[in-house]
Amino acid sequence: MEVELSYKTAFCSNYERLLCDCVQSLNAWRNLREEIANSSLTSKEAGDELIRLQADYAKAYSRLEKHKDNCELCHFVSKISGRNYASLSVAVMDKKHSA
């Protein structure tokens, strides 16, 4: 039974979509790796597919990181995610200065 992943970030729908893509890519790569390890598959096709899935995950993760760095809202939320007052005030001051 396939379980649909859903991440409610509540602040950025693009980040949420990219996060889901990243997790799906990671799971596909991880599942094939496990399947190959359990079945002792050693074919070139299996290796090529594993490399392709690894590259897909790397691309998805890179898109997620680039978005987080370039999205003003995500950047702000990541600054305050530590939930300490010092980081909150720095994030608020940065937001005020950039406005």
PDB file of N, CA and C in Angstrom:
ATOM      1  N   MET A   1       0.841  -1.183   0.000  1.00  0.00           N
ATOM      2  CA  MET A   1       0.000   0.000   0.000  1.00  0.00           C
ATOM      3  C   MET A   1       0.885   1.245   0.000  1.00  0.00           C
ATOM      4  N   GLU A   2       0.667   2.106  -0.940  1.00  0.00           N
ATOM      5  CA  GLU A   2       1.460   3.327  -1.089  1.00  0.00           C
ATOM      6  C   GLU A   2       0.877   4.422  -0.209  1.00  0.00           C
ATOM      7  N   VAL A   3       1.695   5.026   0.604  1.00  0.00           N
ATOM      8  CA  VAL A   3       1.266   6.115   1.477  1.00  0.00           C
ATOM      9  C   VAL A   3       1.701   7.426   0.834  1.00  0.00           C
ATOM     10  N   GLU A   4       0.761   8.341   0.677  1.00  0.00           N
ATOM     11  CA  GLU A   4       1.091   9.633   0.090  1.00  0.00           C
ATOM     12  C   GLU A   4       1.717  10.517   1.157  1.00  0.00           C
ATOM     13  N   LEU A   5       2.852  11.092   0.812  1.00  0.00           N
ATOM     14  CA  LEU A   5       3.541  11.977   1.745  1.00  0.00           C
ATOM     15  C   LEU A   5       2.959  13.372   1.653  1.00  0.00           C
ATOM     16  N   SER A   6       2.819  13.984   2.778  1.00  0.00           N
ATOM     17  CA  SER A   6       2.348  15.353   2.814  1.00  0.00           C
ATOM     18  C   SER A   6       3.081  16.087   3.922  1.00  0.00           C
ATOM     19  N   TYR A   7       3.692  17.191   3.565  1.00  0.00           N
ATOM     20  CA  TYR A   7       4.394  18.013   4.543  1.00  0.00           C
ATOM     21  C   TYR A   7       3.702  19.357   4.575  1.00  0.00           C
ATOM     22  N   LYS A   8       3.207  19.714   5.721  1.00  0.00           N
ATOM     23  CA  LYS A   8       2.530  20.998   5.873  1.00  0.00           C
ATOM     24  C   LYS A   8       3.505  21.980   6.500  1.00  0.00           C
ATOM     25  N   THR A   9       4.164  22.737   5.640  1.00  0.00           N
ATOM     26  CA  THR A   9       5.123  23.709   6.138  1.00  0.00           C
ATOM     27  C   THR A   9       4.420  24.985   6.582  1.00  0.00           C
ATOM     28  N   ALA A  10       3.207  25.208   6.103  1.00  0.00           N
ATOM     29  CA  ALA A  10       2.353  26.315   6.503  1.00  0.00           C
ATOM     30  C   ALA A  10       2.914  27.689   6.146  1.00  0.00           C
ATOM     31  N   PHE A  11       4.019  27.728   5.422  1.00  0.00           N
ATOM     32  CA  PHE A  11       4.526  29.052   5.082  1.00  0.00           C
ATOM     33  C   PHE A  11       4.885  29.216   3.615  1.00  0.00           C
ATOM     34  N   CYS A  12       5.248  28.157   2.921  1.00  0.00           N
ATOM     35  CA  CYS A  12       5.645  28.318   1.528  1.00  0.00           C
ATOM     36  C   CYS A  12       5.260  27.064   0.733  1.00  0.00           C
ATOM     37  N   SER A  13       4.300  27.223  -0.162  1.00  0.00           N
ATOM     38  CA  SER A  13       3.825  26.069  -0.930  1.00  0.00           C
ATOM     39  C   SER A  13       4.893  25.552  -1.897  1.00  0.00           C
ATOM     40  N   ASN A  14       5.752  26.434  -2.404  1.00  0.00           N
ATOM     41  CA  ASN A  14       6.832  25.966  -3.290  1.00  0.00           C
ATOM     42  C   ASN A  14       7.829  25.107  -2.525  1.00  0.00           C
ATOM     43  N   TYR A  15       8.168  25.527  -1.318  1.00  0.00           N
ATOM     44  CA  TYR A  15       9.068  24.737  -0.482  1.00  0.00           C
ATOM     45  C   TYR A  15       8.449  23.377  -0.182  1.00  0.00           C
ATOM     46  N   GLU A  16       7.173  23.372   0.132  1.00  0.00           N
ATOM     47  CA  GLU A  16       6.470  22.123   0.433  1.00  0.00           C
ATOM     48  C   GLU A  16       6.521  21.173  -0.764  1.00  0.00           C
ATOM     49  N   ARG A  17       6.267  21.693  -1.958  1.00  0.00           N
ATOM     50  CA  ARG A  17       6.304  20.873  -3.177  1.00  0.00           C
ATOM     51  C   ARG A  17       7.705  20.331  -3.421  1.00  0.00           C
ATOM     52  N   LEU A  18       8.716  21.189  -3.288  1.00  0.00           N
ATOM     53  CA  LEU A  18      10.095  20.759  -3.501  1.00  0.00           C
ATOM     54  C   LEU A  18      10.534  19.743  -2.449  1.00  0.00           C
ATOM     55  N   LEU A  19      10.080  19.917  -1.227  1.00  0.00           N
ATOM     56  CA  LEU A  19      10.395  18.959  -0.169  1.00  0.00           C
ATOM     57  C   LEU A  19       9.794  17.588  -0.490  1.00  0.00           C
ATOM     58  N   CYS A  20       8.545  17.566  -0.936  1.00  0.00           N
ATOM     59  CA  CYS A  20       7.910  16.292  -1.306  1.00  0.00           C
ATOM     60  C   CYS A  20       8.660  15.634  -2.458  1.00  0.00           C
ATOM     61  N   ASP A  21       9.061  16.419  -3.467  1.00  0.00           N
ATOM     62  CA  ASP A  21       9.842  15.874  -4.587  1.00  0.00           C
ATOM     63  C   ASP A  21      11.150  15.270  -4.094  1.00  0.00           C
ATOM     64  N   CYS A  22      11.793  15.957  -3.169  1.00  0.00           N
ATOM     65  CA  CYS A  22      13.067  15.506  -2.628  1.00  0.00           C
ATOM     66  C   CYS A  22      12.908  14.183  -1.877  1.00  0.00           C
ATOM     67  N   VAL A  23      11.891  14.107  -1.044  1.00  0.00           N
ATOM     68  CA  VAL A  23      11.652  12.893  -0.264  1.00  0.00           C
ATOM     69  C   VAL A  23      11.294  11.727  -1.185  1.00  0.00           C
ATOM     70  N   GLN A  24      10.485  11.977  -2.194  1.00  0.00           N
ATOM     71  CA  GLN A  24      10.124  10.919  -3.136  1.00  0.00           C
ATOM     72  C   GLN A  24      11.352  10.413  -3.886  1.00  0.00           C
ATOM     73  N   SER A  25      12.221  11.320  -4.293  1.00  0.00           N
ATOM     74  CA  SER A  25      13.449  10.923  -4.993  1.00  0.00           C
ATOM     75  C   SER A  25      14.355  10.109  -4.074  1.00  0.00           C
ATOM     76  N   LEU A  26      14.488  10.553  -2.839  1.00  0.00           N
ATOM     77  CA  LEU A  26      15.311   9.824  -1.876  1.00  0.00           C
ATOM     78  C   LEU A  26      14.753   8.424  -1.638  1.00  0.00           C
ATOM     79  N   ASN A  27      13.442   8.322  -1.474  1.00  0.00           N
ATOM     80  CA  ASN A  27      12.831   7.017  -1.236  1.00  0.00           C
ATOM     81  C   ASN A  27      12.989   6.076  -2.425  1.00  0.00           C
ATOM     82  N   ALA A  28      12.855   6.588  -3.644  1.00  0.00           N
ATOM     83  CA  ALA A  28      13.042   5.755  -4.834  1.00  0.00           C
ATOM     84  C   ALA A  28      14.469   5.218  -4.891  1.00  0.00           C
ATOM     85  N   TRP A  29      15.436   6.086  -4.627  1.00  0.00           N
ATOM     86  CA  TRP A  29      16.842   5.690  -4.625  1.00  0.00           C
ATOM     87  C   TRP A  29      17.102   4.659  -3.522  1.00  0.00           C
ATOM     88  N   ARG A  30      16.615   4.943  -2.328  1.00  0.00           N
ATOM     89  CA  ARG A  30      16.807   4.057  -1.175  1.00  0.00           C
ATOM     90  C   ARG A  30      16.158   2.685  -1.423  1.00  0.00           C
ATOM     91  N   ASN A  31      14.945   2.671  -1.981  1.00  0.00           N
ATOM     92  CA  ASN A  31      14.250   1.410  -2.231  1.00  0.00           C
ATOM     93  C   ASN A  31      14.986   0.541  -3.242  1.00  0.00           C
ATOM     94  N   LEU A  32      15.484   1.141  -4.312  1.00  0.00           N
ATOM     95  CA  LEU A  32      16.225   0.353  -5.300  1.00  0.00           C
ATOM     96  C   LEU A  32      17.535  -0.152  -4.712  1.00  0.00           C
ATOM     97  N   ARG A  33      18.206   0.678  -3.940  1.00  0.00           N
ATOM     98  CA  ARG A  33      19.445   0.235  -3.280  1.00  0.00           C
ATOM     99  C   ARG A  33      19.186  -0.984  -2.409  1.00  0.00           C
ATOM    100  N   GLU A  34      18.101  -0.930  -1.653  1.00  0.00           N
ATOM    101  CA  GLU A  34      17.738  -2.039  -0.770  1.00  0.00           C
ATOM    102  C   GLU A  34      17.378  -3.288  -1.580  1.00  0.00           C
ATOM    103  N   GLU A  35      16.632  -3.082  -2.648  1.00  0.00           N
ATOM    104  CA  GLU A  35      16.248  -4.200  -3.511  1.00  0.00           C
ATOM    105  C   GLU A  35      17.479  -4.865  -4.127  1.00  0.00           C
ATOM    106  N   ILE A  36      18.417  -4.071  -4.581  1.00  0.00           N
ATOM    107  CA  ILE A  36      19.642  -4.610  -5.171  1.00  0.00           C
ATOM    108  C   ILE A  36      20.451  -5.354  -4.113  1.00  0.00           C
ATOM    109  N   ALA A  37      20.547  -4.789  -2.928  1.00  0.00           N
ATOM    110  CA  ALA A  37      21.314  -5.430  -1.857  1.00  0.00           C
ATOM    111  C   ALA A  37      20.684  -6.761  -1.441  1.00  0.00           C
ATOM    112  N   ASN A  38      19.374  -6.813  -1.370  1.00  0.00           N
ATOM    113  CA  ASN A  38      18.686  -8.029  -0.930  1.00  0.00           C
ATOM    114  C   ASN A  38      18.657  -9.122  -1.991  1.00  0.00           C
ATOM    115  N   SER A  39      18.711  -8.732  -3.258  1.00  0.00           N
ATOM    116  CA  SER A  39      18.598  -9.727  -4.321  1.00  0.00           C
ATOM    117  C   SER A  39      19.934 -10.057  -4.973  1.00  0.00           C
ATOM    118  N   SER A  40      20.970  -9.382  -4.561  1.00  0.00           N
ATOM    119  CA  SER A  40      22.306  -9.583  -5.134  1.00  0.00           C
ATOM    120  C   SER A  40      22.352  -9.299  -6.637  1.00  0.00           C
ATOM    121  N   LEU A  41      21.534  -8.361  -7.077  1.00  0.00           N
ATOM    122  CA  LEU A  41      21.575  -7.950  -8.486  1.00  0.00           C
ATOM    123  C   LEU A  41      22.884  -7.223  -8.758  1.00  0.00           C
ATOM    124  N   THR A  42      23.499  -7.559  -9.846  1.00  0.00           N
ATOM    125  CA  THR A  42      24.757  -6.902 -10.193  1.00  0.00           C
ATOM    126  C   THR A  42      24.794  -6.480 -11.659  1.00  0.00           C
ATOM    127  N   SER A  43      23.640  -6.405 -12.310  1.00  0.00           N
ATOM    128  CA  SER A  43      23.623  -6.080 -13.736  1.00  0.00           C
ATOM    129  C   SER A  43      23.980  -4.615 -13.963  1.00  0.00           C
ATOM    130  N   LYS A  44      24.465  -4.339 -15.144  1.00  0.00           N
ATOM    131  CA  LYS A  44      24.802  -2.972 -15.523  1.00  0.00           C
ATOM    132  C   LYS A  44      23.552  -2.097 -15.509  1.00  0.00           C
ATOM    133  N   GLU A  45      22.429  -2.653 -15.942  1.00  0.00           N
ATOM    134  CA  GLU A  45      21.182  -1.894 -15.965  1.00  0.00           C
ATOM    135  C   GLU A  45      20.768  -1.472 -14.549  1.00  0.00           C
ATOM    136  N   ALA A  46      20.914  -2.368 -13.591  1.00  0.00           N
ATOM    137  CA  ALA A  46      20.560  -2.042 -12.215  1.00  0.00           C
ATOM    138  C   ALA A  46      21.486  -0.944 -11.689  1.00  0.00           C
ATOM    139  N   GLY A  47      22.762  -1.048 -11.980  1.00  0.00           N
ATOM    140  CA  GLY A  47      23.717  -0.029 -11.555  1.00  0.00           C
ATOM    141  C   GLY A  47      23.438   1.312 -12.193  1.00  0.00           C
ATOM    142  N   ASP A  48      23.109   1.288 -13.489  1.00  0.00           N
ATOM    143  CA  ASP A  48      22.788   2.536 -14.195  1.00  0.00           C
ATOM    144  C   ASP A  48      21.543   3.193 -13.612  1.00  0.00           C
ATOM    145  N   GLU A  49      20.537   2.374 -13.298  1.00  0.00           N
ATOM    146  CA  GLU A  49      19.305   2.912 -12.719  1.00  0.00           C
ATOM    147  C   GLU A  49      19.565   3.486 -11.332  1.00  0.00           C
ATOM    148  N   LEU A  50      20.408   2.839 -10.569  1.00  0.00           N
ATOM    149  CA  LEU A  50      20.762   3.339  -9.242  1.00  0.00           C
ATOM    150  C   LEU A  50      21.469   4.690  -9.348  1.00  0.00           C
ATOM    151  N   ILE A  51      22.368   4.819 -10.289  1.00  0.00           N
ATOM    152  CA  ILE A  51      23.070   6.095 -10.506  1.00  0.00           C
ATOM    153  C   ILE A  51      22.099   7.175 -10.958  1.00  0.00           C
ATOM    154  N   ARG A  52      21.150   6.822 -11.821  1.00  0.00           N
ATOM    155  CA  ARG A  52      20.157   7.791 -12.289  1.00  0.00           C
ATOM    156  C   ARG A  52      19.299   8.283 -11.124  1.00  0.00           C
ATOM    157  N   LEU A  53      18.865   7.345 -10.268  1.00  0.00           N
ATOM    158  CA  LEU A  53      18.041   7.734  -9.123  1.00  0.00           C
ATOM    159  C   LEU A  53      18.828   8.584  -8.120  1.00  0.00           C
ATOM    160  N   GLN A  54      20.108   8.283  -7.971  1.00  0.00           N
ATOM    161  CA  GLN A  54      20.953   9.097  -7.098  1.00  0.00           C
ATOM    162  C   GLN A  54      21.062  10.520  -7.654  1.00  0.00           C
ATOM    163  N   ALA A  55      21.227  10.627  -8.950  1.00  0.00           N
ATOM    164  CA  ALA A  55      21.309  11.949  -9.585  1.00  0.00           C
ATOM    165  C   ALA A  55      19.985  12.695  -9.460  1.00  0.00           C
ATOM    166  N   ASP A  56      18.867  11.984  -9.601  1.00  0.00           N
ATOM    167  CA  ASP A  56      17.551  12.614  -9.431  1.00  0.00           C
ATOM    168  C   ASP A  56      17.407  13.187  -8.028  1.00  0.00           C
ATOM    169  N   TYR A  57      17.847  12.415  -7.031  1.00  0.00           N
ATOM    170  CA  TYR A  57      17.771  12.903  -5.657  1.00  0.00           C
ATOM    171  C   TYR A  57      18.671  14.126  -5.469  1.00  0.00           C
ATOM    172  N   ALA A  58      19.886  14.066  -5.999  1.00  0.00           N
ATOM    173  CA  ALA A  58      20.812  15.197  -5.855  1.00  0.00           C
ATOM    174  C   ALA A  58      20.228  16.464  -6.485  1.00  0.00           C
ATOM    175  N   LYS A  59      19.588  16.327  -7.627  1.00  0.00           N
ATOM    176  CA  LYS A  59      18.966  17.482  -8.288  1.00  0.00           C
ATOM    177  C   LYS A  59      17.800  18.019  -7.458  1.00  0.00           C
ATOM    178  N   ALA A  60      16.966  17.115  -6.948  1.00  0.00           N
ATOM    179  CA  ALA A  60      15.817  17.538  -6.139  1.00  0.00           C
ATOM    180  C   ALA A  60      16.282  18.252  -4.874  1.00  0.00           C
ATOM    181  N   TYR A  61      17.319  17.712  -4.226  1.00  0.00           N
ATOM    182  CA  TYR A  61      17.851  18.333  -3.008  1.00  0.00           C
ATOM    183  C   TYR A  61      18.460  19.703  -3.325  1.00  0.00           C
ATOM    184  N   SER A  62      19.145  19.798  -4.439  1.00  0.00           N
ATOM    185  CA  SER A  62      19.748  21.065  -4.850  1.00  0.00           C
ATOM    186  C   SER A  62      18.669  22.118  -5.115  1.00  0.00           C
ATOM    187  N   ARG A  63      17.581  21.719  -5.790  1.00  0.00           N
ATOM    188  CA  ARG A  63      16.480  22.661  -6.034  1.00  0.00           C
ATOM    189  C   ARG A  63      15.867  23.138  -4.719  1.00  0.00           C
ATOM    190  N   LEU A  64      15.725  22.213  -3.765  1.00  0.00           N
ATOM    191  CA  LEU A  64      15.171  22.567  -2.455  1.00  0.00           C
ATOM    192  C   LEU A  64      16.077  23.569  -1.742  1.00  0.00           C
ATOM    193  N   GLU A  65      17.373  23.307  -1.726  1.00  0.00           N
ATOM    194  CA  GLU A  65      18.328  24.206  -1.066  1.00  0.00           C
ATOM    195  C   GLU A  65      18.385  25.570  -1.750  1.00  0.00           C
ATOM    196  N   LYS A  66      18.387  25.585  -3.077  1.00  0.00           N
ATOM    197  CA  LYS A  66      18.417  26.863  -3.803  1.00  0.00           C
ATOM    198  C   LYS A  66      17.168  27.676  -3.504  1.00  0.00           C
ATOM    199  N   HIS A  67      16.017  26.984  -3.465  1.00  0.00           N
ATOM    200  CA  HIS A  67      14.782  27.697  -3.159  1.00  0.00           C
ATOM    201  C   HIS A  67      14.853  28.303  -1.757  1.00  0.00           C
ATOM    202  N   LYS A  68      15.290  27.498  -0.807  1.00  0.00           N
ATOM    203  CA  LYS A  68      15.372  27.977   0.583  1.00  0.00           C
ATOM    204  C   LYS A  68      16.275  29.201   0.687  1.00  0.00           C
ATOM    205  N   ASP A  69      17.364  29.210  -0.061  1.00  0.00           N
ATOM    206  CA  ASP A  69      18.296  30.334  -0.019  1.00  0.00           C
ATOM    207  C   ASP A  69      17.784  31.564  -0.754  1.00  0.00           C
ATOM    208  N   ASN A  70      16.947  31.360  -1.789  1.00  0.00           N
ATOM    209  CA  ASN A  70      16.502  32.482  -2.618  1.00  0.00           C
ATOM    210  C   ASN A  70      15.110  32.995  -2.282  1.00  0.00           C
ATOM    211  N   CYS A  71      14.332  32.229  -1.556  1.00  0.00           N
ATOM    212  CA  CYS A  71      12.969  32.635  -1.200  1.00  0.00           C
ATOM    213  C   CYS A  71      13.034  33.488   0.066  1.00  0.00           C
ATOM    214  N   GLU A  72      12.546  34.699  -0.022  1.00  0.00           N
ATOM    215  CA  GLU A  72      12.604  35.611   1.122  1.00  0.00           C
ATOM    216  C   GLU A  72      11.850  35.050   2.322  1.00  0.00           C
ATOM    217  N   LEU A  73      10.701  34.462   2.072  1.00  0.00           N
ATOM    218  CA  LEU A  73       9.911  33.905   3.165  1.00  0.00           C
ATOM    219  C   LEU A  73      10.615  32.716   3.815  1.00  0.00           C
ATOM    220  N   CYS A  74      11.149  31.806   2.999  1.00  0.00           N
ATOM    221  CA  CYS A  74      11.867  30.648   3.546  1.00  0.00           C
ATOM    222  C   CYS A  74      13.120  31.074   4.296  1.00  0.00           C
ATOM    223  N   HIS A  75      13.806  32.062   3.756  1.00  0.00           N
ATOM    224  CA  HIS A  75      15.013  32.567   4.411  1.00  0.00           C
ATOM    225  C   HIS A  75      14.666  33.138   5.791  1.00  0.00           C
ATOM    226  N   PHE A  76      13.594  33.902   5.851  1.00  0.00           N
ATOM    227  CA  PHE A  76      13.143  34.485   7.117  1.00  0.00           C
ATOM    228  C   PHE A  76      12.769  33.387   8.117  1.00  0.00           C
ATOM    229  N   VAL A  77      11.999  32.397   7.668  1.00  0.00           N
ATOM    230  CA  VAL A  77      11.565  31.320   8.560  1.00  0.00           C
ATOM    231  C   VAL A  77      12.750  30.501   9.046  1.00  0.00           C
ATOM    232  N   SER A  78      13.730  30.257   8.175  1.00  0.00           N
ATOM    233  CA  SER A  78      14.888  29.481   8.614  1.00  0.00           C
ATOM    234  C   SER A  78      15.687  30.234   9.674  1.00  0.00           C
ATOM    235  N   LYS A  79      15.685  31.566   9.607  1.00  0.00           N
ATOM    236  CA  LYS A  79      16.389  32.353  10.624  1.00  0.00           C
ATOM    237  C   LYS A  79      15.727  32.256  11.985  1.00  0.00           C
ATOM    238  N   ILE A  80      14.407  32.170  11.995  1.00  0.00           N
ATOM    239  CA  ILE A  80      13.706  32.132  13.277  1.00  0.00           C
ATOM    240  C   ILE A  80      13.399  30.714  13.745  1.00  0.00           C
ATOM    241  N   SER A  81      13.785  29.727  12.990  1.00  0.00           N
ATOM    242  CA  SER A  81      13.423  28.345  13.327  1.00  0.00           C
ATOM    243  C   SER A  81      14.082  27.847  14.604  1.00  0.00           C
ATOM    244  N   GLY A  82      15.163  28.494  15.031  1.00  0.00           N
ATOM    245  CA  GLY A  82      15.794  28.114  16.284  1.00  0.00           C
ATOM    246  C   GLY A  82      14.940  28.455  17.486  1.00  0.00           C
ATOM    247  N   ARG A  83      13.977  29.304  17.291  1.00  0.00           N
ATOM    248  CA  ARG A  83      13.028  29.703  18.321  1.00  0.00           C
ATOM    249  C   ARG A  83      13.667  30.321  19.554  1.00  0.00           C
ATOM    250  N   ASN A  84      14.814  30.934  19.369  1.00  0.00           N
ATOM    251  CA  ASN A  84      15.335  31.708  20.496  1.00  0.00           C
ATOM    252  C   ASN A  84      15.135  33.181  20.168  1.00  0.00           C
ATOM    253  N   TYR A  85      15.002  33.991  21.182  1.00  0.00           N
ATOM    254  CA  TYR A  85      14.647  35.380  20.968  1.00  0.00           C
ATOM    255  C   TYR A  85      15.714  36.166  20.227  1.00  0.00           C
ATOM    256  N   ALA A  86      16.962  35.788  20.395  1.00  0.00           N
ATOM    257  CA  ALA A  86      18.023  36.501  19.696  1.00  0.00           C
ATOM    258  C   ALA A  86      17.873  36.335  18.190  1.00  0.00           C
ATOM    259  N   SER A  87      17.663  35.112  17.730  1.00  0.00           N
ATOM    260  CA  SER A  87      17.539  34.899  16.290  1.00  0.00           C
ATOM    261  C   SER A  87      16.257  35.519  15.763  1.00  0.00           C
ATOM    262  N   LEU A  88      15.198  35.519  16.566  1.00  0.00           N
ATOM    263  CA  LEU A  88      13.948  36.138  16.157  1.00  0.00           C
ATOM    264  C   LEU A  88      14.151  37.634  15.946  1.00  0.00           C
ATOM    265  N   SER A  89      14.818  38.294  16.874  1.00  0.00           N
ATOM    266  CA  SER A  89      15.009  39.736  16.745  1.00  0.00           C
ATOM    267  C   SER A  89      15.919  40.074  15.572  1.00  0.00           C
ATOM    268  N   VAL A  90      16.945  39.269  15.341  1.00  0.00           N
ATOM    269  CA  VAL A  90      17.820  39.502  14.187  1.00  0.00           C
ATOM    270  C   VAL A  90      17.033  39.356  12.897  1.00  0.00           C
ATOM    271  N   ALA A  91      16.194  38.322  12.816  1.00  0.00           N
ATOM    272  CA  ALA A  91      15.394  38.109  11.623  1.00  0.00           C
ATOM    273  C   ALA A  91      14.417  39.250  11.396  1.00  0.00           C
ATOM    274  N   VAL A  92      13.792  39.732  12.462  1.00  0.00           N
ATOM    275  CA  VAL A  92      12.858  40.846  12.349  1.00  0.00           C
ATOM    276  C   VAL A  92      13.590  42.110  11.919  1.00  0.00           C
ATOM    277  N   MET A  93      14.757  42.366  12.488  1.00  0.00           N
ATOM    278  CA  MET A  93      15.536  43.548  12.110  1.00  0.00           C
ATOM    279  C   MET A  93      15.982  43.454  10.654  1.00  0.00           C
ATOM    280  N   ASP A  94      16.429  42.280  10.211  1.00  0.00           N
ATOM    281  CA  ASP A  94      16.794  42.102   8.807  1.00  0.00           C
ATOM    282  C   ASP A  94      15.614  42.371   7.903  1.00  0.00           C
ATOM    283  N   LYS A  95      14.456  41.910   8.296  1.00  0.00           N
ATOM    284  CA  LYS A  95      13.236  42.102   7.507  1.00  0.00           C
ATOM    285  C   LYS A  95      12.903  43.585   7.409  1.00  0.00           C
ATOM    286  N   LYS A  96      13.047  44.320   8.506  1.00  0.00           N
ATOM    287  CA  LYS A  96      12.744  45.752   8.515  1.00  0.00           C
ATOM    288  C   LYS A  96      13.734  46.515   7.628  1.00  0.00           C
ATOM    289  N   HIS A  97      15.019  46.138   7.700  1.00  0.00           N
ATOM    290  CA  HIS A  97      16.018  46.848   6.904  1.00  0.00           C
ATOM    291  C   HIS A  97      15.879  46.582   5.419  1.00  0.00           C
ATOM    292  N   SER A  98      15.372  45.409   5.053  1.00  0.00           N
ATOM    293  CA  SER A  98      15.248  45.094   3.632  1.00  0.00           C
ATOM    294  C   SER A  98      13.972  45.658   3.037  1.00  0.00           C
ATOM    295  N   ALA A  99      13.050  46.111   3.876  1.00  0.00           N
ATOM    296  CA  ALA A  99      11.759  46.641   3.387  1.00  0.00           C
ATOM    297  C   ALA A  99      11.891  48.046   2.845  1.00  0.00           C
TER     298      ALA A  99
END
